[in-house]
Protein backbone atom coordinates (compact mmCIF):
# COMPACT_ATOMS: atom_id res chain seq x y z
CA MET A 1 -123.97 86.89 146.42
CA THR A 2 -124.54 89.68 143.92
CA ALA A 3 -122.48 92.83 143.72
CA PRO A 4 -124.08 96.02 145.04
CA LYS A 5 -125.88 98.00 142.38
CA GLU A 6 -124.11 101.17 141.30
CA TYR A 7 -126.29 104.24 141.21
CA ARG A 8 -125.88 106.99 138.66
CA SER A 9 -125.40 110.53 139.83
CA LYS A 10 -127.82 113.20 138.65
CA ALA A 11 -125.05 114.60 136.43
CA ARG A 12 -124.54 111.15 134.84
CA ILE A 13 -128.28 110.78 134.23
CA TYR A 14 -128.40 114.24 132.65
CA PHE A 15 -125.44 113.31 130.47
CA ASP A 16 -127.07 110.03 129.42
CA ILE A 17 -130.26 111.85 128.42
CA LEU A 18 -128.44 114.64 126.58
CA ASN A 19 -126.07 112.21 124.90
CA GLN A 20 -128.98 110.11 123.66
CA ILE A 21 -130.55 113.20 122.12
CA ALA A 22 -127.19 114.06 120.52
CA GLU A 23 -126.87 110.54 119.08
CA GLU A 24 -130.29 110.99 117.47
CA GLY A 25 -129.01 114.07 115.63
CA GLY A 26 -129.76 116.63 118.33
CA ARG A 27 -133.50 115.91 118.42
CA ALA A 28 -135.33 112.89 119.82
CA GLY A 29 -138.70 111.69 120.99
CA PRO A 30 -139.30 110.57 124.56
CA THR A 31 -139.38 106.85 123.76
CA ARG A 32 -135.91 106.90 122.19
CA ILE A 33 -134.57 108.86 125.15
CA LEU A 34 -136.28 106.53 127.63
CA TYR A 35 -134.65 103.41 126.21
CA GLY A 36 -131.29 105.02 125.44
CA ALA A 37 -130.90 106.56 128.90
CA ASN A 38 -132.34 103.46 130.63
CA LEU A 39 -134.90 105.30 132.76
CA SER A 40 -138.48 104.67 133.83
CA HIS A 41 -141.13 106.93 132.32
CA ASP A 42 -141.71 108.76 135.62
CA ARG A 43 -138.03 109.45 136.20
CA LEU A 44 -137.52 110.51 132.57
CA THR A 45 -140.42 112.98 132.77
CA LYS A 46 -138.97 114.50 135.95
CA HIS A 47 -135.47 114.82 134.49
CA LEU A 48 -136.70 116.24 131.17
CA ALA A 49 -138.55 118.98 133.07
CA GLN A 50 -135.38 119.79 135.02
CA LEU A 51 -133.28 119.88 131.84
CA ILE A 52 -135.78 122.27 130.24
CA ASN A 53 -135.65 124.51 133.34
CA LEU A 54 -131.84 124.50 133.17
CA GLY A 55 -131.95 125.52 129.50
CA LEU A 56 -130.15 122.38 128.30
CA ILE A 57 -133.02 121.18 126.09
CA VAL A 58 -136.21 122.55 124.58
CA GLU A 59 -139.51 120.77 124.06
CA GLU A 60 -141.02 120.97 120.58
CA LYS A 61 -144.52 119.86 119.63
CA GLU A 62 -145.45 118.84 116.11
CA GLU A 63 -149.09 117.94 115.68
CA ASP A 64 -149.58 115.19 118.31
CA ARG A 65 -145.87 114.35 118.77
CA VAL A 66 -143.32 115.73 121.23
CA PHE A 67 -139.58 116.04 120.60
CA TYR A 68 -136.69 117.28 122.71
CA SER A 69 -133.81 119.20 121.18
CA LEU A 70 -130.42 120.14 122.54
CA THR A 71 -129.62 123.79 123.09
CA GLU A 72 -126.11 125.21 122.77
CA LYS A 73 -125.88 125.03 126.55
CA GLY A 74 -126.86 121.34 126.38
CA MET A 75 -124.15 120.63 123.81
CA ALA A 76 -121.62 122.44 126.00
CA PHE A 77 -122.68 120.29 128.99
CA ILE A 78 -121.98 117.13 126.98
CA GLN A 79 -118.51 118.38 125.98
CA GLU A 80 -117.60 119.44 129.51
CA PHE A 81 -118.91 116.21 131.05
CA ARG A 82 -116.76 114.19 128.64
CA ARG A 83 -113.71 116.26 129.62
CA ILE A 84 -114.37 115.74 133.33
CA GLN A 85 -114.97 112.03 132.74
CA ALA A 86 -111.64 111.67 130.89
CA PHE A 87 -109.86 113.58 133.65
CA ALA A 88 -111.38 111.40 136.38
CA LYS A 89 -110.62 108.23 134.41
CA ALA A 90 -106.95 109.21 134.25
CA PHE A 91 -106.92 108.98 138.05
CA GLY A 92 -109.02 105.83 138.24
CA ILE A 93 -112.09 107.63 139.56
CA PRO A 94 -115.42 106.52 138.08
CA ILE A 95 -118.04 109.20 137.48
């Protein structure tokens, strides 16, 4: 019998996407984000659009390539999520 699969919250998915962009130096292409955040292409596209609407990332086009960059608000989200995660961990609560 296998253990039930744990689902990530929307906040965790946003963090994983933003953190992957941060690990790439604050700017990354969709393929790097896709693999780093472990998402399907359809789900990634949906979440990238939401992150743009929230002002956490911006889309940049160079010739025929697309990149996503963190905004200051996106960097602040990463910092605050890490703080909340550490706080929850201190009480044994997974986020």
